[in-house]
Every structure is written in C-alpha cells, then in structure tokens.
Amino acid sequence: MASKWRCMACGYIYDPANGDPDAGIASGTSFEDLPDDWVCPICGVGKDMFEEV
C-alpha cells in the first residue's frame, strides 16, 4: 500500500488512494509520481513541504 504524505504547512494529507481529482491526478497515483509542479490543494506549497506519514 502506498504511503500517505502530510503537508507540513497546513496538515493536508495526500492519499494516493484518492489522488487529487481537482488537479487531474488519478486515484492510485503515488506521491513520487506526482508532477514536479504539483502543489498542495489547500495552501499551495510545493512537494518539498510534504513528509511521509
């Protein structure tokens, strides 16, 4: 099972099982496979501000 990732700025959890449909990210997309320019849908920070949980 893929890991979940938490935004250190706002606490949003990226769950690969859900993806990010509003950004066109399909369910099942691992965090590592997100585009480099993907940002937190809540606060807009980049992937470098996320930690694995």
N, C-alpha and C. Protein backbone atom coordinates (compact mmCIF):
# COMPACT_ATOMS: atom_id res chain seq x y z
N MET A 1 0.85 -1.19 0.00
CA MET A 1 0.00 0.00 0.00
C MET A 1 0.89 1.25 0.00
N ALA A 2 0.50 2.21 -0.79
CA ALA A 2 1.29 3.43 -0.92
C ALA A 2 1.18 4.30 0.33
N SER A 3 2.24 5.01 0.61
CA SER A 3 2.29 5.88 1.78
C SER A 3 1.46 7.13 1.58
N LYS A 4 0.97 7.68 2.69
CA LYS A 4 0.31 8.98 2.69
C LYS A 4 1.36 10.02 3.02
N TRP A 5 1.12 11.24 2.57
CA TRP A 5 2.05 12.35 2.78
C TRP A 5 1.30 13.52 3.36
N ARG A 6 1.91 14.19 4.37
CA ARG A 6 1.27 15.31 5.06
C ARG A 6 1.98 16.61 4.71
N CYS A 7 1.17 17.63 4.41
CA CYS A 7 1.70 18.96 4.18
C CYS A 7 2.13 19.55 5.52
N MET A 8 3.40 19.92 5.62
CA MET A 8 3.91 20.47 6.88
C MET A 8 3.41 21.89 7.12
N ALA A 9 2.88 22.55 6.10
CA ALA A 9 2.38 23.92 6.26
C ALA A 9 0.95 23.94 6.80
N CYS A 10 0.08 23.07 6.27
CA CYS A 10 -1.34 23.16 6.65
C CYS A 10 -1.93 21.86 7.17
N GLY A 11 -1.22 20.75 7.04
CA GLY A 11 -1.72 19.48 7.56
C GLY A 11 -2.51 18.65 6.56
N TYR A 12 -2.70 19.15 5.33
CA TYR A 12 -3.40 18.37 4.30
C TYR A 12 -2.70 17.02 4.12
N ILE A 13 -3.49 15.96 3.98
CA ILE A 13 -2.94 14.63 3.74
C ILE A 13 -3.18 14.25 2.28
N TYR A 14 -2.09 13.96 1.55
CA TYR A 14 -2.24 13.41 0.20
C TYR A 14 -2.32 11.90 0.33
N ASP A 15 -3.44 11.34 -0.07
CA ASP A 15 -3.66 9.89 -0.03
C ASP A 15 -3.68 9.38 -1.47
N PRO A 16 -2.69 8.56 -1.84
CA PRO A 16 -2.65 8.05 -3.22
C PRO A 16 -3.92 7.30 -3.62
N ALA A 17 -4.62 6.72 -2.67
CA ALA A 17 -5.86 6.01 -3.00
C ALA A 17 -6.90 6.96 -3.56
N ASN A 18 -6.84 8.24 -3.17
CA ASN A 18 -7.80 9.23 -3.64
C ASN A 18 -7.26 10.09 -4.78
N GLY A 19 -5.94 10.26 -4.85
CA GLY A 19 -5.37 11.16 -5.83
C GLY A 19 -5.75 12.61 -5.50
N ASP A 20 -5.77 13.44 -6.53
CA ASP A 20 -6.20 14.83 -6.39
C ASP A 20 -7.04 15.17 -7.61
N PRO A 21 -8.30 14.72 -7.60
CA PRO A 21 -9.15 14.87 -8.80
C PRO A 21 -9.27 16.30 -9.30
N ASP A 22 -9.26 17.28 -8.39
CA ASP A 22 -9.40 18.67 -8.81
C ASP A 22 -8.20 19.14 -9.63
N ALA A 23 -7.05 18.47 -9.44
CA ALA A 23 -5.84 18.82 -10.20
C ALA A 23 -5.59 17.82 -11.34
N GLY A 24 -6.55 16.93 -11.57
CA GLY A 24 -6.41 15.96 -12.65
C GLY A 24 -5.50 14.80 -12.31
N ILE A 25 -5.28 14.55 -11.01
CA ILE A 25 -4.43 13.45 -10.57
C ILE A 25 -5.33 12.25 -10.25
N ALA A 26 -5.13 11.17 -10.98
CA ALA A 26 -5.98 10.00 -10.84
C ALA A 26 -5.73 9.27 -9.52
N SER A 27 -6.77 8.61 -9.02
CA SER A 27 -6.58 7.77 -7.84
C SER A 27 -5.55 6.70 -8.17
N GLY A 28 -4.76 6.32 -7.18
CA GLY A 28 -3.71 5.34 -7.38
C GLY A 28 -2.37 5.95 -7.74
N THR A 29 -2.30 7.28 -7.87
CA THR A 29 -1.05 7.96 -8.21
C THR A 29 -0.21 8.15 -6.95
N SER A 30 0.97 7.54 -6.92
CA SER A 30 1.83 7.68 -5.75
C SER A 30 2.37 9.11 -5.67
N PHE A 31 2.77 9.50 -4.46
CA PHE A 31 3.30 10.84 -4.26
C PHE A 31 4.51 11.08 -5.16
N GLU A 32 5.36 10.06 -5.27
CA GLU A 32 6.58 10.17 -6.09
C GLU A 32 6.25 10.41 -7.56
N ASP A 33 5.08 9.96 -8.00
CA ASP A 33 4.70 10.10 -9.41
C ASP A 33 3.92 11.39 -9.70
N LEU A 34 3.67 12.20 -8.67
CA LEU A 34 3.01 13.49 -8.91
C LEU A 34 3.95 14.37 -9.74
N PRO A 35 3.40 15.22 -10.60
CA PRO A 35 4.25 16.14 -11.36
C PRO A 35 5.07 17.03 -10.43
N ASP A 36 6.25 17.43 -10.85
CA ASP A 36 7.11 18.27 -10.02
C ASP A 36 6.47 19.61 -9.68
N ASP A 37 5.54 20.06 -10.52
CA ASP A 37 4.91 21.35 -10.26
C ASP A 37 3.58 21.23 -9.50
N TRP A 38 3.26 20.02 -9.03
CA TRP A 38 2.05 19.83 -8.22
C TRP A 38 2.21 20.59 -6.91
N VAL A 39 1.13 21.19 -6.44
CA VAL A 39 1.16 21.93 -5.17
C VAL A 39 0.01 21.46 -4.29
N CYS A 40 0.14 21.72 -3.00
CA CYS A 40 -0.90 21.39 -2.03
C CYS A 40 -2.20 22.08 -2.45
N PRO A 41 -3.28 21.31 -2.55
CA PRO A 41 -4.55 21.93 -2.98
C PRO A 41 -5.15 22.87 -1.94
N ILE A 42 -4.67 22.83 -0.71
CA ILE A 42 -5.20 23.70 0.34
C ILE A 42 -4.41 25.00 0.44
N CYS A 43 -3.07 24.89 0.55
CA CYS A 43 -2.28 26.10 0.82
C CYS A 43 -1.29 26.46 -0.29
N GLY A 44 -1.10 25.58 -1.27
CA GLY A 44 -0.31 25.94 -2.43
C GLY A 44 1.19 25.75 -2.32
N VAL A 45 1.69 25.10 -1.24
CA VAL A 45 3.13 24.86 -1.16
C VAL A 45 3.51 23.67 -2.05
N GLY A 46 4.81 23.59 -2.37
CA GLY A 46 5.30 22.54 -3.25
C GLY A 46 5.51 21.22 -2.55
N LYS A 47 5.85 20.21 -3.36
CA LYS A 47 6.07 18.86 -2.86
C LYS A 47 7.15 18.77 -1.78
N ASP A 48 8.10 19.71 -1.82
CA ASP A 48 9.20 19.67 -0.86
C ASP A 48 8.75 20.00 0.57
N MET A 49 7.51 20.44 0.71
CA MET A 49 6.96 20.76 2.03
C MET A 49 6.09 19.63 2.59
N PHE A 50 6.21 18.45 2.00
CA PHE A 50 5.43 17.30 2.47
C PHE A 50 6.35 16.28 3.13
N GLU A 51 5.80 15.57 4.12
CA GLU A 51 6.55 14.50 4.77
C GLU A 51 5.70 13.23 4.77
N GLU A 52 6.38 12.12 4.67
CA GLU A 52 5.69 10.83 4.66
C GLU A 52 5.14 10.53 6.05
N VAL A 53 3.91 10.03 6.09
CA VAL A 53 3.30 9.68 7.39
C VAL A 53 2.86 8.23 7.40
